[in-house]
Protein backbone atom coordinates (compact mmCIF):
# COMPACT_ATOMS: atom_id res chain seq x y z
CA MET A 1 16.55 -15.40 17.05
CA LYS A 2 13.39 -17.63 18.18
CA SER A 3 10.69 -18.38 16.24
CA GLU A 4 7.52 -19.39 18.08
CA ILE A 5 3.87 -20.98 16.69
CA VAL A 6 1.00 -19.22 18.29
CA ASP A 7 -2.52 -20.97 18.07
CA THR A 8 -5.38 -18.42 16.71
CA PRO A 9 -8.97 -18.83 15.64
CA ALA A 10 -7.90 -17.74 12.45
CA GLY A 11 -5.14 -20.30 11.84
CA ASP A 12 -1.16 -21.07 13.46
CA ALA A 13 0.92 -17.56 13.28
CA ARG A 14 4.38 -17.42 14.15
CA ILE A 15 6.32 -14.58 15.73
CA THR A 16 10.28 -14.50 15.29
CA TRP A 17 12.20 -12.64 17.83
CA HIS A 18 14.75 -10.76 17.32
CA PRO A 19 16.16 -9.41 20.80
CA PRO A 20 19.31 -7.12 21.67
CA LYS A 21 22.79 -9.45 22.37
CA LYS A 22 23.36 -10.03 25.71
CA GLY A 23 24.85 -6.82 27.88
CA THR A 24 22.13 -4.68 25.93
CA PRO A 25 18.92 -4.67 28.23
CA ALA A 26 15.73 -4.76 26.31
CA ARG A 27 13.40 -1.61 26.70
CA ILE A 28 10.58 -1.91 24.81
CA VAL A 29 8.91 -4.75 21.84
CA LEU A 30 8.20 -3.45 18.64
CA ALA A 31 6.07 -6.01 17.19
CA VAL A 32 5.39 -5.57 13.02
CA GLY A 33 3.13 -7.42 10.74
CA HIS A 34 3.37 -7.99 6.93
CA GLY A 35 1.11 -6.53 4.26
CA ALA A 36 -1.13 -8.22 2.11
CA GLY A 37 1.46 -8.89 -1.04
CA GLY A 38 4.49 -9.85 0.97
CA GLY A 39 5.78 -10.97 4.22
CA VAL A 40 8.19 -10.08 6.95
CA GLU A 41 11.16 -10.32 4.42
CA ALA A 42 10.17 -6.62 3.29
CA ARG A 43 13.39 -4.52 2.69
CA ASP A 44 11.86 -2.34 5.48
CA LEU A 45 10.95 -5.03 8.06
CA GLN A 46 14.42 -6.52 7.85
CA ALA A 47 16.31 -3.25 7.83
CA LEU A 48 14.56 -2.62 11.42
CA THR A 49 14.98 -5.69 12.89
CA ALA A 50 18.98 -5.40 11.89
CA ALA A 51 18.94 -1.73 13.29
CA LEU A 52 16.91 -1.71 15.99
CA PRO A 53 17.83 -4.37 18.68
CA PRO A 54 21.48 -2.83 19.38
CA LEU A 55 19.13 0.16 20.75
CA GLY A 56 17.68 -1.89 23.39
CA VAL A 57 14.44 -2.59 21.24
CA THR A 58 13.01 -6.21 20.72
CA VAL A 59 11.91 -6.42 17.47
CA ALA A 60 9.03 -9.14 16.79
CA LEU A 61 8.35 -10.36 13.42
CA VAL A 62 4.53 -11.16 13.24
CA GLU A 63 3.53 -13.38 10.26
CA GLN A 64 -0.34 -13.83 10.02
CA PRO A 65 -1.74 -17.27 9.56
CA TRP A 66 -2.31 -17.16 6.17
CA ARG A 67 0.88 -16.23 5.13
CA VAL A 68 2.04 -19.33 7.73
CA ALA A 69 -0.15 -21.58 5.61
CA GLY A 70 1.44 -20.58 2.49
CA LYS A 71 -1.85 -19.05 0.73
CA LYS A 72 -1.19 -16.34 -1.49
CA LEU A 73 -4.48 -13.90 -0.86
CA ALA A 74 -5.03 -12.53 2.82
CA PRO A 75 -8.25 -12.70 4.28
CA ALA A 76 -10.72 -9.91 5.33
CA PRO A 77 -9.49 -7.14 7.48
CA LYS A 78 -11.56 -8.90 10.22
CA THR A 79 -9.82 -12.12 9.79
CA LEU A 80 -6.43 -10.20 9.84
CA ASP A 81 -7.43 -8.43 13.54
CA THR A 82 -9.21 -11.50 15.21
CA GLY A 83 -5.30 -13.09 14.37
CA TRP A 84 -3.41 -9.85 15.84
CA ARG A 85 -5.74 -10.16 18.72
CA ALA A 86 -5.09 -13.60 19.58
CA LEU A 87 -1.07 -13.26 19.13
CA TRP A 88 -1.19 -10.32 21.51
CA PRO A 89 -0.52 -11.94 24.85
CA ALA A 90 2.43 -13.74 23.49
CA LEU A 91 3.83 -10.28 22.28
CA ALA A 92 3.31 -8.64 25.76
CA LYS A 93 4.37 -11.73 28.00
CA PRO A 94 8.09 -9.98 28.20
CA GLY A 95 6.38 -7.32 30.30
CA LEU A 96 7.28 -4.75 28.22
CA PRO A 97 5.54 -1.67 26.54
CA VAL A 98 4.41 -2.95 23.14
CA VAL A 99 4.62 -0.94 20.28
CA ALA A 100 2.24 -2.10 17.37
CA GLY A 101 3.32 -1.60 14.05
CA GLY A 102 2.95 -3.10 10.67
CA ARG A 103 3.55 -2.00 6.90
CA SER A 104 0.57 -1.61 4.23
CA ALA A 105 -2.66 -3.79 5.41
CA GLY A 106 -0.64 -4.75 8.97
CA ALA A 107 -0.62 -1.10 9.41
CA ARG A 108 -3.85 -1.13 9.54
CA VAL A 109 -4.49 -3.66 11.87
CA ALA A 110 -2.24 -2.25 14.48
CA CYS A 111 -4.02 1.03 14.09
CA ARG A 112 -7.61 -0.91 14.16
CA THR A 113 -6.62 -2.47 17.44
CA ALA A 114 -4.33 -0.29 19.36
CA ARG A 115 -6.89 1.07 21.60
CA GLU A 116 -8.38 -2.03 22.92
CA LEU A 117 -5.23 -4.09 23.31
CA GLY A 118 -3.09 -1.59 25.03
CA ALA A 119 -0.63 -0.64 22.68
CA HIS A 120 2.05 1.61 23.98
CA ALA A 121 2.17 3.25 20.46
CA VAL A 122 1.70 2.53 16.43
CA LEU A 123 4.39 2.49 13.85
CA ALA A 124 2.45 2.71 10.45
CA LEU A 125 5.00 1.68 7.50
CA SER A 126 3.14 2.57 4.10
CA PHE A 127 -0.13 3.19 5.71
CA PRO A 128 -2.69 2.66 2.40
CA LEU A 129 -4.57 5.73 3.03
CA HIS A 130 -6.58 5.03 0.03
CA PRO A 131 -6.56 2.59 -2.96
CA PRO A 132 -4.53 4.00 -5.82
CA GLY A 133 -6.08 6.33 -7.90
CA ARG A 134 -9.53 6.40 -5.61
CA PRO A 135 -8.40 9.36 -3.07
CA GLU A 136 -12.11 9.18 -2.03
CA LYS A 137 -11.90 5.90 -0.30
CA SER A 138 -10.11 7.45 2.53
CA ARG A 139 -9.00 5.27 5.73
CA ALA A 140 -7.81 8.09 7.69
CA ASP A 141 -10.00 7.16 10.22
CA GLU A 142 -8.61 4.04 11.00
CA LEU A 143 -5.41 5.96 11.49
CA LEU A 144 -6.82 8.87 13.11
CA GLY A 145 -8.48 6.25 15.54
CA ALA A 146 -5.60 4.34 16.85
CA GLY A 147 -5.70 6.69 20.44
CA VAL A 148 -1.94 6.45 20.87
CA PRO A 149 0.91 8.34 19.86
CA THR A 150 1.90 7.34 15.90
CA LEU A 151 4.57 7.30 13.39
CA VAL A 152 3.65 7.18 9.68
CA VAL A 153 6.63 6.55 7.38
CA GLN A 154 5.88 6.68 3.73
CA GLY A 155 7.44 7.27 0.27
CA GLY A 156 7.33 10.30 -1.35
CA ASN A 157 5.57 8.75 -4.41
CA ASP A 158 3.20 5.91 -2.64
CA PRO A 159 0.40 5.58 -4.92
CA PHE A 160 -1.69 4.48 -1.86
CA GLY A 161 -1.14 7.83 -0.08
CA LYS A 162 1.19 10.25 -0.62
CA PRO A 163 2.82 12.34 2.69
CA GLU A 164 0.78 15.42 1.44
CA GLU A 165 -2.51 13.77 1.29
CA PHE A 166 -2.51 13.14 5.37
CA PRO A 167 -4.88 14.43 7.42
CA ALA A 168 -3.53 16.81 10.49
CA PRO A 169 -2.21 16.21 12.99
CA PHE A 170 -0.04 14.11 10.61
CA SER A 171 0.56 17.21 8.83
CA ALA A 172 0.96 19.74 11.32
CA PRO A 173 4.00 20.92 13.26
CA ALA A 174 2.86 20.13 16.73
CA PRO A 175 2.19 16.54 18.48
CA GLY A 176 -1.69 15.82 18.49
CA PRO A 177 -4.09 15.55 21.57
CA ALA A 178 -3.02 11.34 21.56
CA GLY A 179 0.69 12.09 22.90
CA GLY A 180 1.93 12.95 19.37
CA GLN A 181 1.38 11.80 15.41
CA GLU A 182 4.22 12.21 13.19
CA LEU A 183 5.04 11.51 9.71
CA ILE A 184 8.26 10.75 7.98
CA GLU A 185 8.53 11.01 4.27
CA VAL A 186 11.53 8.60 2.43
CA PRO A 187 11.93 10.70 -0.58
CA TYR A 188 10.85 9.38 -4.22
CA GLY A 189 9.57 6.31 -2.46
CA ASP A 190 6.81 4.11 -3.72
CA HIS A 191 4.56 1.64 -1.45
CA SER A 192 7.93 -0.63 -0.86
CA PHE A 193 10.05 2.04 -0.46
CA THR A 194 12.00 1.20 -3.50
CA VAL A 195 13.34 4.46 -4.80
CA PRO A 196 13.80 4.83 -9.11
CA LYS A 197 17.89 5.14 -9.91
CA ARG A 198 17.49 8.57 -10.66
CA ALA A 199 17.02 9.74 -7.19
CA LYS A 200 19.25 11.95 -5.66
CA LEU A 201 19.40 9.52 -2.78
CA THR A 202 20.51 5.31 -2.93
CA GLN A 203 18.19 2.10 -2.06
CA ASP A 204 20.42 2.09 1.10
CA GLU A 205 19.89 5.90 1.74
CA ALA A 206 16.26 5.48 1.44
CA LEU A 207 16.41 2.50 4.12
CA THR A 208 18.79 4.85 6.63
CA VAL A 209 15.97 7.60 6.35
CA ILE A 210 13.86 4.59 7.89
CA THR A 211 15.76 3.05 10.44
CA ASP A 212 17.34 6.61 11.74
CA GLY A 213 13.67 8.07 11.80
CA VAL A 214 12.16 4.99 13.80
CA GLY A 215 15.31 4.48 15.96
CA LYS A 216 14.91 7.87 17.27
CA TRP A 217 11.09 7.94 17.57
CA ILE A 218 11.05 4.26 19.36
CA ARG A 219 13.58 5.45 21.53
CA SER A 220 11.67 8.64 22.79
CA GLN A 221 8.57 5.89 23.26
CA SER A 222 10.59 3.84 25.42
CA ALA A 223 11.19 6.97 27.55
CA ARG A 224 7.57 7.34 28.25
């Protein structure tokens, strides 16, 4: 693990690198940003950080400048995009394909900038399809506009958008024209992938749904 500070127009950001252990060659980089209500300590990001390096994936946890500065409120989407764009050269420096990823607001950033930055694919964790209780305020255009293969991982009870609310081609059985749009449902999960105690799977099993699904998907992306 190694951390580096990257200067951006929005302030100092931080990348924490989690490469495969010696003897396992890195084939692809997964750069993942956090949401507007938390940081890289989110359970799904930490689970992926533990599970993916043995598969040849370098995980780069990205902390936006507002988090590095210790602020509690995220700035406007435009500022988040500015920070992410400025980080991209550092993320691409290893010379490997880079999957742009994030959870919640971080997933929106990855989708909005994927095409212009040349992202290999997008991983959208808990994509906030709409504000809770406001399905008419859809952000589907951001998701559909990514322009690269995209995997959404969504909790079955996410108030920001349940899996069945997502548009085709994510709801369709066939890959989309951009090379594949897929959705993995985490049963009973909320926006943080928390599952209630009455659920038919445990919290650890819910995280395994995420790590297994993302692991299989990202291996397919590294082969492209």
